[in-house]
Protein backbone atom coordinates (compact mmCIF):
# COMPACT_ATOMS: atom_id res chain seq x y z
CA MET A 1 -34.48 -161.36 76.26
CA GLU A 2 -34.04 -160.47 79.29
CA TRP A 3 -36.84 -161.06 81.83
CA LYS A 4 -37.90 -158.25 83.01
CA LYS A 5 -39.72 -157.94 79.45
CA LEU A 6 -40.73 -161.18 79.07
CA LEU A 7 -42.61 -161.11 82.33
CA CYS A 8 -43.93 -157.44 80.80
CA ASP A 9 -47.95 -157.17 82.26
CA ASP A 10 -48.92 -154.61 80.51
CA ARG A 11 -52.27 -155.61 78.00
CA VAL A 12 -52.99 -154.60 74.64
CA ARG A 13 -55.91 -152.29 75.96
CA GLU A 14 -54.60 -150.16 79.08
CA TYR A 15 -55.87 -149.76 81.97
CA ARG A 16 -55.63 -148.41 85.56
CA LYS A 17 -53.08 -150.85 87.63
CA ASN A 18 -53.70 -152.47 91.50
CA SER A 19 -55.36 -150.33 93.47
CA SER A 20 -54.96 -150.73 97.00
CA ALA A 21 -57.72 -152.36 97.24
CA ASP A 22 -56.44 -155.15 95.25
CA LEU A 23 -53.20 -157.03 96.27
CA ARG A 24 -53.81 -159.40 93.15
CA THR A 25 -51.01 -159.70 90.67
CA GLU A 26 -51.68 -158.62 86.81
CA TYR A 27 -50.82 -162.61 86.01
CA GLU A 28 -53.47 -163.78 89.43
CA LYS A 29 -56.42 -161.47 87.52
CA ASP A 30 -54.92 -163.18 84.13
CA TYR A 31 -56.52 -166.46 85.55
CA HIS A 32 -60.12 -165.17 87.19
CA ARG A 33 -60.41 -164.28 84.04
CA ILE A 34 -59.75 -167.44 81.94
CA ILE A 35 -61.27 -169.77 84.64
CA GLY A 36 -64.93 -167.91 84.35
CA SER A 37 -65.28 -167.39 80.94
CA ALA A 38 -67.47 -169.47 78.46
CA SER A 39 -64.73 -170.76 76.03
CA PHE A 40 -62.70 -172.06 79.40
CA ARG A 41 -66.21 -174.20 80.78
CA ARG A 42 -66.25 -175.57 76.47
CA LEU A 43 -63.13 -177.23 76.93
CA GLN A 44 -65.47 -179.88 79.12
CA ASP A 45 -67.52 -181.04 76.10
CA LYS A 46 -64.44 -181.05 73.91
CA THR A 47 -62.45 -184.57 73.06
CA GLN A 48 -58.95 -185.22 73.99
CA VAL A 49 -58.14 -188.85 72.71
CA PHE A 50 -62.17 -190.63 72.75
CA PRO A 51 -64.71 -188.34 71.06
CA LEU A 52 -68.52 -188.41 72.71
CA ASP A 53 -67.51 -190.58 75.54
CA ASN A 54 -69.59 -191.72 78.26
CA SER A 55 -67.69 -192.36 80.64
CA ASP A 56 -66.87 -189.87 83.42
CA PHE A 57 -62.90 -191.44 83.72
CA ILE A 58 -62.19 -190.44 80.51
CA ARG A 59 -60.20 -187.08 80.24
CA THR A 60 -61.70 -183.63 77.96
CA ARG A 61 -60.05 -180.99 77.24
CA LEU A 62 -60.67 -179.43 80.08
CA THR A 63 -59.40 -182.33 82.31
CA HIS A 64 -56.28 -182.05 80.52
CA SER A 65 -56.50 -178.26 80.65
CA LEU A 66 -56.33 -178.40 84.02
CA GLU A 67 -53.64 -181.19 84.46
CA VAL A 68 -50.85 -179.25 81.61
CA SER A 69 -51.34 -175.98 84.03
CA SER A 70 -50.06 -177.33 87.20
CA PHE A 71 -47.55 -178.96 85.39
CA ALA A 72 -46.38 -176.21 84.36
CA LYS A 73 -47.00 -174.37 87.12
CA SER A 74 -44.59 -177.35 88.77
CA LEU A 75 -41.99 -176.82 85.97
CA GLY A 76 -41.72 -173.52 86.86
CA GLN A 77 -41.15 -173.38 90.28
CA ASN A 78 -38.17 -176.37 89.66
CA ILE A 79 -36.75 -173.40 87.11
CA GLY A 80 -37.69 -170.59 88.82
CA ARG A 81 -35.98 -171.65 92.06
CA GLY A 82 -33.08 -172.78 90.13
CA ILE A 83 -32.58 -170.20 87.94
CA ILE A 84 -31.67 -168.09 91.79
CA GLN A 85 -30.23 -171.24 93.26
CA GLU A 86 -27.35 -171.96 90.66
CA GLY A 87 -26.51 -167.89 90.06
CA LYS A 88 -28.11 -168.01 86.75
CA ASP A 89 -29.28 -165.17 85.78
CA THR A 90 -28.46 -161.59 87.73
CA GLY A 91 -31.21 -159.69 85.86
CA PHE A 92 -34.35 -162.86 87.86
CA LEU A 93 -35.56 -161.38 90.61
CA PRO A 94 -36.83 -163.21 93.57
CA GLU A 95 -40.38 -162.11 93.15
CA TYR A 96 -39.98 -163.54 89.19
CA GLN A 97 -40.50 -167.07 90.31
CA GLY A 98 -43.88 -166.20 91.40
CA TYR A 99 -44.78 -163.94 88.19
CA ILE A 100 -43.84 -167.58 85.86
CA CYS A 101 -45.36 -169.75 88.37
CA ASP A 102 -49.00 -167.62 87.74
CA ILE A 103 -47.94 -167.12 83.72
CA LEU A 104 -47.60 -170.88 83.70
CA GLN A 105 -50.63 -171.65 85.42
CA CYS A 106 -52.73 -169.99 82.84
CA ALA A 107 -51.20 -171.35 79.98
CA GLY A 108 -51.76 -174.04 80.81
CA LEU A 109 -55.44 -173.22 80.96
CA LEU A 110 -55.49 -171.95 78.14
CA HIS A 111 -53.18 -173.84 75.23
CA ASP A 112 -55.79 -175.74 74.05
CA ILE A 113 -58.63 -173.16 74.21
CA GLY A 114 -58.56 -172.91 70.44
CA ASN A 115 -58.94 -176.47 69.38
CA PRO A 116 -61.84 -177.14 67.26
CA PRO A 117 -64.63 -180.25 67.82
CA PHE A 118 -63.37 -183.70 68.10
CA GLY A 119 -60.29 -183.25 68.79
CA HIS A 120 -56.82 -183.10 66.66
CA PHE A 121 -58.61 -184.64 64.19
CA GLY A 122 -60.82 -181.40 63.80
CA GLU A 123 -57.38 -179.71 62.65
CA THR A 124 -56.59 -181.99 60.37
CA ALA A 125 -60.37 -182.02 58.80
CA ILE A 126 -60.66 -178.43 58.63
CA ARG A 127 -57.28 -178.02 57.00
CA ASP A 128 -58.03 -180.72 54.11
CA TRP A 129 -61.51 -178.79 53.52
CA PHE A 130 -60.13 -175.50 52.87
CA SER A 131 -57.37 -177.12 50.33
CA VAL A 132 -59.63 -179.12 48.04
CA ASN A 133 -62.61 -176.20 48.14
CA LEU A 134 -60.31 -172.80 48.13
CA PRO A 135 -58.99 -173.63 44.71
CA LYS A 136 -62.68 -174.72 43.33
CA ILE A 137 -64.72 -172.18 45.39
CA ASN A 138 -65.05 -169.04 42.08
CA TYR A 139 -65.97 -165.75 43.56
CA HIS A 140 -67.26 -162.62 41.59
CA ARG A 141 -65.27 -159.98 42.58
CA GLU A 142 -66.87 -156.30 42.86
CA ASP A 143 -65.00 -155.34 39.47
CA GLY A 144 -67.33 -158.07 37.79
CA SER A 145 -64.73 -160.68 37.38
CA THR A 146 -64.60 -164.45 38.97
CA GLN A 147 -61.34 -165.65 41.11
CA PRO A 148 -60.93 -168.57 42.92
CA LEU A 149 -60.76 -167.84 46.50
CA SER A 150 -57.22 -169.47 46.64
CA GLU A 151 -56.26 -166.53 43.54
CA ILE A 152 -57.48 -163.71 45.40
CA PHE A 153 -55.94 -164.06 48.58
CA ASN A 154 -52.43 -163.41 49.25
CA CYS A 155 -50.20 -165.91 49.76
CA GLN A 156 -50.60 -165.67 53.98
CA MET A 157 -54.32 -165.22 53.44
CA ARG A 158 -54.31 -168.67 51.75
CA GLU A 159 -51.40 -170.93 54.01
CA ASP A 160 -53.16 -170.09 57.19
CA PHE A 161 -56.58 -171.85 55.93
CA TYR A 162 -53.77 -174.74 54.66
CA HIS A 163 -52.18 -174.67 57.54
CA PHE A 164 -55.13 -174.36 60.34
CA GLU A 165 -53.80 -174.69 64.08
CA GLY A 166 -56.07 -174.91 67.10
CA ASN A 167 -52.76 -173.30 69.03
CA THR A 168 -53.08 -170.09 66.05
CA GLN A 169 -56.74 -169.96 67.28
CA ALA A 170 -56.07 -169.77 70.62
CA LEU A 171 -54.37 -166.88 70.57
CA ARG A 172 -57.05 -165.40 68.65
CA LEU A 173 -59.67 -166.67 70.55
CA VAL A 174 -58.65 -165.15 73.40
CA ALA A 175 -57.06 -161.95 72.03
CA LYS A 176 -60.10 -160.88 69.62
CA LEU A 177 -62.84 -163.12 69.40
CA HIS A 178 -64.18 -163.45 73.94
CA TYR A 179 -66.00 -160.30 73.62
CA LEU A 180 -65.48 -159.34 77.24
CA VAL A 181 -65.40 -155.10 76.79
CA ASP A 182 -64.28 -154.11 73.37
CA GLU A 183 -62.61 -156.10 70.53
CA HIS A 184 -59.35 -156.48 72.46
CA GLY A 185 -61.08 -160.17 74.12
CA MET A 186 -60.13 -161.32 77.30
CA ASN A 187 -57.33 -158.26 77.13
CA LEU A 188 -54.83 -160.78 78.98
CA THR A 189 -50.90 -159.61 80.01
CA LYS A 190 -48.90 -160.07 76.85
CA SER A 191 -46.38 -162.25 78.83
CA LEU A 192 -49.15 -164.41 78.36
CA LEU A 193 -50.16 -164.20 75.32
CA GLY A 194 -46.13 -164.34 74.34
CA THR A 195 -46.51 -167.65 76.39
CA ILE A 196 -48.80 -169.80 74.15
CA MET A 197 -48.04 -168.51 70.92
CA LYS A 198 -45.28 -171.42 71.12
CA TYR A 199 -44.69 -171.05 67.29
CA PRO A 200 -43.11 -167.12 66.68
CA GLY A 201 -43.76 -166.80 62.88
CA SER A 202 -46.43 -166.89 59.62
CA SER A 203 -48.01 -169.59 58.12
CA LEU A 204 -44.94 -168.76 55.46
CA GLU A 205 -42.63 -169.68 57.92
CA ILE A 206 -42.93 -172.67 58.06
CA GLU A 207 -40.43 -175.66 58.15
CA LYS A 208 -41.38 -178.77 59.25
CA LYS A 209 -37.74 -179.34 59.75
CA GLY A 210 -35.77 -176.37 61.11
CA HIS A 211 -35.58 -174.12 64.31
CA ILE A 212 -38.72 -175.96 66.19
CA LYS A 213 -40.20 -172.46 66.65
CA HIS A 214 -41.22 -173.12 62.74
CA LYS A 215 -42.81 -176.04 62.95
CA LYS A 216 -46.30 -175.28 62.70
CA MET A 217 -47.31 -171.60 62.43
CA GLY A 218 -48.19 -169.23 65.57
CA TYR A 219 -50.39 -166.44 64.04
CA TYR A 220 -52.90 -165.32 61.64
CA TYR A 221 -52.46 -162.00 58.80
CA ALA A 222 -55.74 -161.14 60.69
CA GLU A 223 -52.75 -161.02 63.72
CA ARG A 224 -50.20 -159.35 61.70
CA GLU A 225 -50.76 -156.44 63.80
CA LEU A 226 -50.23 -157.98 67.21
CA PHE A 227 -47.66 -160.54 66.52
CA ASP A 228 -45.47 -157.02 66.02
CA ASP A 229 -46.37 -155.55 69.14
CA LEU A 230 -46.69 -158.38 71.34
CA GLN A 231 -43.16 -159.29 69.93
CA GLU A 232 -41.76 -155.61 70.28
CA SER A 233 -43.09 -155.45 73.89
CA LEU A 234 -41.52 -158.39 75.10
CA GLY A 235 -38.58 -158.45 73.19
CA THR A 236 -38.45 -161.61 71.99
CA HIS A 237 -38.21 -160.81 68.52
CA GLY A 238 -38.91 -163.93 66.74
CA ASN A 239 -37.79 -166.00 68.94
CA ARG A 240 -39.76 -168.07 71.06
CA HIS A 241 -40.85 -167.20 74.52
CA PRO A 242 -38.39 -169.41 77.15
CA LEU A 243 -42.00 -170.20 79.02
CA ALA A 244 -43.05 -171.81 75.86
CA PHE A 245 -41.01 -174.72 75.91
CA VAL A 246 -42.30 -174.94 79.53
CA LEU A 247 -45.29 -174.68 78.04
CA GLU A 248 -44.78 -177.18 75.83
CA ALA A 249 -43.20 -180.16 77.91
CA ALA A 250 -46.31 -179.78 80.64
CA ASP A 251 -48.51 -180.10 77.92
CA ASP A 252 -46.35 -183.36 76.69
CA ILE A 253 -45.92 -184.91 80.35
CA ALA A 254 -49.99 -184.73 80.30
CA TYR A 255 -51.81 -186.04 77.68
CA LYS A 256 -48.49 -188.58 77.11
CA THR A 257 -48.86 -190.31 80.44
CA ALA A 258 -52.95 -189.46 80.38
CA ASP A 259 -53.33 -191.50 76.90
CA ILE A 260 -51.87 -194.47 78.52
CA GLU A 261 -53.51 -194.55 81.36
CA ASP A 262 -57.39 -193.88 79.09
CA ALA A 263 -56.66 -196.86 76.74
CA VAL A 264 -56.15 -198.87 79.56
CA LYS A 265 -58.85 -198.02 81.01
CA LYS A 266 -60.82 -198.15 77.02
CA GLY A 267 -59.86 -201.60 76.75
CA CYS A 268 -57.59 -200.57 73.69
CA ILE A 269 -54.03 -201.69 75.43
CA THR A 270 -54.73 -204.57 78.28
CA PHE A 271 -51.36 -204.31 81.17
CA GLU A 272 -49.95 -207.23 79.67
CA ARG A 273 -49.70 -206.23 76.29
CA LEU A 274 -48.45 -202.49 77.49
CA VAL A 275 -45.08 -203.91 79.78
CA SER A 276 -44.04 -205.77 77.00
CA GLU A 277 -44.39 -203.22 74.32
CA LEU A 278 -42.61 -201.30 76.31
CA LYS A 279 -40.09 -204.09 77.27
CA LEU A 280 -39.87 -204.47 73.67
CA TYR A 281 -38.70 -200.40 73.41
CA GLY A 282 -35.98 -201.12 76.44
CA ASP A 283 -34.26 -203.85 74.36
CA LYS A 284 -33.62 -201.40 71.43
CA LEU A 285 -32.17 -199.03 73.53
CA PRO A 286 -28.25 -198.58 74.45
CA GLU A 287 -27.50 -199.93 77.70
CA ASP A 288 -26.56 -197.02 79.68
CA LYS A 289 -30.49 -196.00 78.15
CA LYS A 290 -32.24 -199.19 79.09
CA LYS A 291 -31.03 -199.43 82.80
CA VAL A 292 -32.54 -195.98 83.88
CA PHE A 293 -35.38 -196.86 81.02
CA MET A 294 -35.85 -200.66 82.66
CA ARG A 295 -36.42 -199.36 86.39
CA LEU A 296 -39.43 -197.95 84.89
CA VAL A 297 -40.81 -200.60 83.74
CA ASP A 298 -40.29 -202.09 87.35
CA SER A 299 -41.66 -200.10 89.52
CA LEU A 300 -44.92 -200.95 86.97
CA GLU A 301 -44.90 -204.28 87.34
CA LYS A 302 -44.04 -203.46 91.58
CA LYS A 303 -47.03 -201.67 91.70
CA TYR A 304 -49.10 -204.57 89.85
CA GLN A 305 -48.35 -206.64 92.01
CA ARG A 306 -48.78 -204.36 95.14
CA ALA A 307 -52.56 -203.75 93.75
CA LEU A 308 -53.30 -207.70 93.68
CA LYS A 309 -52.16 -207.43 96.97
CA ARG A 310 -54.45 -205.06 98.09
CA ARG A 311 -56.79 -206.63 96.44
CA LEU A 312 -58.16 -204.47 94.36
CA GLN A 313 -61.12 -204.73 91.91
CA HIS A 314 -59.16 -203.25 88.83
CA PRO A 315 -55.65 -204.21 89.46
CA GLU A 316 -54.61 -203.10 86.27
CA SER A 317 -56.21 -200.10 86.28
CA ASN A 318 -54.51 -198.80 89.21
CA ALA A 319 -51.12 -199.88 88.95
CA VAL A 320 -51.18 -197.68 85.78
CA GLN A 321 -52.86 -195.37 87.28
CA ASN A 322 -50.16 -195.33 89.88
CA TRP A 323 -47.03 -195.60 87.26
CA ALA A 324 -48.73 -192.68 84.97
CA VAL A 325 -48.57 -189.95 88.31
CA TYR A 326 -44.68 -191.60 89.44
CA VAL A 327 -43.97 -190.92 85.57
CA GLN A 328 -45.13 -187.71 85.57
CA GLY A 329 -42.65 -186.29 89.14
CA TRP A 330 -39.55 -187.84 87.15
CA MET A 331 -41.08 -185.95 83.83
CA ILE A 332 -40.74 -182.71 85.64
CA ASN A 333 -37.75 -183.12 86.73
CA ASP A 334 -35.78 -183.81 83.77
CA VAL A 335 -37.31 -181.28 81.90
CA SER A 336 -36.17 -178.69 85.26
CA ARG A 337 -32.18 -179.65 84.67
CA CYS A 338 -32.70 -179.49 80.71
CA PHE A 339 -34.04 -176.31 81.36
CA LEU A 340 -30.99 -174.58 83.85
CA GLU A 341 -28.91 -176.77 81.42
CA HIS A 342 -29.19 -174.93 78.49
CA TYR A 343 -30.24 -171.84 80.05
CA ASP A 344 -28.18 -169.23 77.76
CA ALA A 345 -29.46 -170.86 74.61
CA LEU A 346 -33.28 -170.43 75.53
CA MET A 347 -32.78 -167.02 76.26
CA ASP A 348 -30.62 -166.47 73.38
CA GLY A 349 -33.83 -167.69 70.96
CA SER A 350 -30.92 -170.08 69.56
CA TYR A 351 -32.17 -173.20 71.88
CA GLY A 352 -34.56 -176.04 69.39
CA ALA A 353 -32.86 -174.74 66.08
CA GLN A 354 -31.75 -178.93 65.36
CA GLY A 355 -36.23 -179.57 66.27
CA GLU A 356 -34.86 -180.19 69.75
CA ASP A 357 -37.23 -179.84 72.29
CA LEU A 358 -36.72 -179.96 77.20
CA PHE A 359 -36.58 -183.26 76.58
CA THR A 360 -33.94 -183.56 74.48
CA GLY A 361 -31.18 -185.81 75.28
CA THR A 362 -33.07 -186.82 78.92
CA ASP A 363 -33.65 -189.78 80.22
CA GLY A 364 -37.17 -188.84 80.12
CA GLU A 365 -36.97 -188.67 75.95
CA MET A 366 -37.09 -192.72 75.53
CA MET A 367 -40.24 -192.55 77.42
CA MET A 368 -41.42 -190.40 76.31
CA GLU A 369 -41.07 -191.82 72.08
CA ALA A 370 -42.19 -195.15 73.77
CA LEU A 371 -45.67 -193.90 75.29
CA GLY A 372 -46.01 -191.78 72.47
CA ASP A 373 -46.10 -194.95 69.43
CA ILE A 374 -47.96 -197.13 72.29
CA ALA A 375 -50.20 -194.73 72.77
CA TYR A 376 -51.06 -194.46 68.31
CA ARG A 377 -50.77 -198.25 67.58
CA TYR A 378 -53.33 -199.57 70.53
CA ALA A 379 -55.84 -195.72 70.75
CA PHE A 380 -55.57 -193.86 67.91
CA GLN A 381 -55.47 -196.31 65.16
CA GLY A 382 -58.47 -198.32 67.25
CA THR A 383 -61.53 -198.82 65.00
CA SER A 384 -63.39 -196.88 67.15
CA ILE A 385 -61.58 -193.58 66.67
CA LEU A 386 -61.44 -194.34 63.07
CA LYS A 387 -65.03 -194.95 62.52
CA LEU A 388 -65.34 -191.34 65.08
CA GLU A 389 -62.86 -189.89 63.09
CA ILE A 390 -64.59 -190.56 59.44
CA ALA A 391 -67.75 -189.20 60.92
CA ALA A 392 -66.19 -186.05 61.86
CA GLN A 393 -65.18 -185.55 58.64
CA ARG A 394 -68.98 -185.35 57.39
CA ILE A 395 -69.74 -183.33 59.97
CA PHE A 396 -66.77 -180.43 59.15
CA ASN A 397 -67.59 -181.07 55.34
CA PHE A 398 -71.11 -180.31 55.64
CA LEU A 399 -70.71 -177.18 58.50
CA LEU A 400 -67.90 -175.55 55.85
CA ASP A 401 -69.83 -176.17 52.93
CA GLY A 402 -72.15 -174.61 54.13
CA PHE A 403 -71.08 -171.66 56.51
CA VAL A 404 -68.67 -170.85 54.27
CA HIS A 405 -71.12 -170.11 51.23
CA ALA A 406 -73.55 -168.16 52.87
CA ALA A 407 -70.24 -165.81 54.45
CA LEU A 408 -69.07 -165.70 50.77
CA TYR A 409 -71.29 -162.80 49.87
CA PHE A 410 -71.91 -161.71 53.82
CA ASP A 411 -72.10 -157.61 54.87
CA THR A 412 -72.01 -157.63 50.84
CA GLU A 413 -74.59 -155.23 49.16
CA ARG A 414 -74.33 -158.97 46.63
CA GLU A 415 -77.67 -161.16 46.66
CA VAL A 416 -77.52 -163.91 48.62
CA THR A 417 -80.53 -166.85 49.15
CA GLU A 418 -82.95 -167.19 52.18
CA VAL A 419 -80.61 -170.18 53.90
CA GLN A 420 -78.02 -168.09 53.53
CA LYS A 421 -79.11 -165.51 55.89
CA LYS A 422 -80.66 -168.04 57.94
CA MET A 423 -77.47 -169.70 58.10
CA MET A 424 -75.44 -166.60 59.41
CA ALA A 425 -77.86 -165.86 61.66
CA LEU A 426 -76.57 -168.81 63.50
CA VAL A 427 -73.19 -167.23 63.78
CA SER A 428 -72.07 -165.71 66.78
CA ASP A 429 -73.18 -162.18 67.65
CA ASN A 430 -70.15 -161.62 69.34
CA TYR A 431 -68.64 -163.12 66.65
CA ILE A 432 -70.13 -161.42 63.29
CA ALA A 433 -69.29 -157.97 66.05
CA ILE A 434 -65.69 -158.99 65.63
CA TYR A 435 -65.91 -159.60 61.97
CA ARG A 436 -67.46 -155.93 61.32
CA GLN A 437 -65.17 -153.77 63.49
CA PHE A 438 -62.32 -155.03 61.26
CA ALA A 439 -63.87 -154.94 58.30
CA GLU A 440 -64.50 -151.81 58.95
CA ARG A 441 -61.00 -150.80 59.41
CA VAL A 442 -59.90 -152.41 56.33
CA ASP A 443 -62.39 -150.36 54.49
CA GLN A 444 -59.93 -147.40 56.36
CA SER A 445 -56.97 -148.57 55.43
CA GLU A 446 -55.11 -147.27 52.59
CA GLN A 447 -54.80 -150.76 50.14
CA SER A 448 -56.24 -150.89 46.97
CA PRO A 449 -59.99 -151.28 46.24
CA SER A 450 -58.64 -154.37 45.12
CA GLU A 451 -56.80 -155.93 48.22
CA LYS A 452 -59.92 -153.85 50.83
CA GLU A 453 -62.37 -156.55 48.97
CA ALA A 454 -59.83 -159.64 49.01
CA GLU A 455 -59.00 -158.59 53.32
CA LYS A 456 -62.69 -158.58 54.21
CA LEU A 457 -63.07 -161.87 52.21
CA TYR A 458 -59.96 -163.42 54.31
CA LEU A 459 -62.30 -162.01 57.72
CA ARG A 460 -65.50 -163.75 56.50
CA LEU A 461 -64.36 -167.45 56.35
CA LEU A 462 -61.80 -166.86 59.23
CA LEU A 463 -65.81 -165.74 61.09
CA VAL A 464 -66.58 -169.07 59.37
CA THR A 465 -63.56 -171.21 61.24
CA ASP A 466 -64.06 -168.97 64.69
CA HIS A 467 -67.87 -170.06 64.87
CA VAL A 468 -66.95 -173.56 64.39
CA CYS A 469 -64.06 -173.71 66.17
CA GLY A 470 -66.34 -172.62 68.75
CA MET A 471 -68.52 -174.91 69.27
CA THR A 472 -68.44 -178.45 71.48
CA ASP A 473 -68.49 -182.24 69.63
CA SER A 474 -72.14 -182.28 70.69
CA HIS A 475 -73.17 -178.91 69.34
CA ALA A 476 -71.11 -179.74 66.57
CA LYS A 477 -73.06 -183.11 66.29
CA ARG A 478 -76.33 -182.07 67.00
CA LEU A 479 -76.50 -178.95 64.69
CA TYR A 480 -75.07 -181.51 61.55
CA GLN A 481 -78.64 -183.79 62.17
CA GLU A 482 -81.08 -180.93 62.78
CA LEU A 483 -79.84 -179.13 59.46
CA ASN A 484 -80.00 -182.31 57.53
CA GLY A 485 -83.33 -183.32 59.23
CA ILE A 486 -81.64 -186.70 61.75
CA ASP A 487 -83.93 -187.11 64.12
C-alpha cells in the first residue's frame, strides 16, 4: 500500500474541489460535515457504559467520540513525525502528516456513529433477535410458496443480520443514510471511509482467531459495490487501511481508561479496591513487565496522596482522573512507537495476522488488559447494568417484532394491516427514500425475479435496523412506553 492512494481525497459523488476562496483541505471539509450532522448530535443521548444516567459526569457516546478523536489526532501527529524523521517511507510527503491527523480526527468522531441505543448490548440484542426469528418468520412469496426468511436470503444477507455490527452500520450511515443531497449520505472522502472500516471483509469472512481484519464484518451485502470502489481507490485490496489500526488504538485508550474513571465515580469500585486489583494483576507478570506496571500503580497512589494534601472533597476521584490522563499519554507514546516499529508490516497488510494490534508486545498491553478486566467485573457486571440490559432486551424485542413484521410486505402489492401501515409511518422519510432508490436499482438489475424479491426484502429489513439504530436511548425507551400504553 502507498500513502498517495491511501490518502485519496476523492468522494463517491464527484464535485468541484477547492476553489480559490475556500482554503480548506478535503479532510477539513469532512470534519465540518460531521460535526454539523444530526447523526453526530444524537450521540449525546446514546450509552457508553451506563444507560440513561442522570449524572453529567458520566460519558455518553458523544463525549467518548470527542476523546477518541483527540487521541487519534495526537497519534497521527506522533506517527507522521516519526515516519519523516526516521525516514521510514520516501513516499510519505511532509504535508501528509497534517492529512493523517485530519483524517484520524474525523474518524474518531465517526467510529461509534452507527451504534444502536444502549451501548454494545444493543448490538447483541439485535443479533440475538435475528438469530432466533429469521428461521421462524415465514414469508409468502410472489410465486405462491412460503419460506422462512433465513431460506430466502442468500448466505451473506442472512449472516449480515446474524453478525450485526455498529461499525458496519457506521459505514452505511455516513455513506448512504445521512441524506444531505442524495443517496451518497455525507459523501465523505474515500480515505476517511477506508479508515473507519476496521474490518475489510464481509459477514462470510469472519474468523475470530485469524487475522484481526476478519474479526468482525466490515460491510453489508447492500454496500458491496461501495466496498469494491474503496478497495480499488485506496489500493488496500482486502487489507486494513493502516490508519484503521491507529483509530482502533485511540478507541481502546479512551474507553479502557474512561470506563475505570466512570466506575470509580459511580461507586462500582472503590479506590482501595482498584489499587488492590492492579497490584494483584502486576504480581502475576514477569519481572521485566512487572517493574513498569507497578511504577504506574505507584503513580496512582502518589496522586491520591497529593489530593489528600490538597484537602480535596473527593480525593479518590481526583486521583483516578489525573492518573487516567497520565496513562493516556503513556499509551499514546507506546502505540506510536509500535506503529513505527512495525511500519513495513502495516503497509504490506501482514500486520495483524496473529490477531495483534498496536498494543501487542508493548508495556501498555498489560495495563490495557488489566483495566479491561477490572471494568468488566466491577462495572459491566454490576446489578444496575444487568437490570438495564434486561430492560433494553425487552425494548429491542418489542421494536424489532413490530417493525420487522410491518416491513415484510411494505412497498409491495400484498395487503398489510392498518397497524403495520402506522408502524411504517413512524420510520424516517429519509431512510424510506434511500430504500426506494436502491430497491428501484434492484428492479432494474439483471437478476432473476426470485433474486430481486429476496434482495428487496433484505433491504426492507435493513430499513428496520437503520431506523432502530438511529434511535437514541431516550427515544427507544419512550417509543416502547408509548406503543405499550405506559405513561
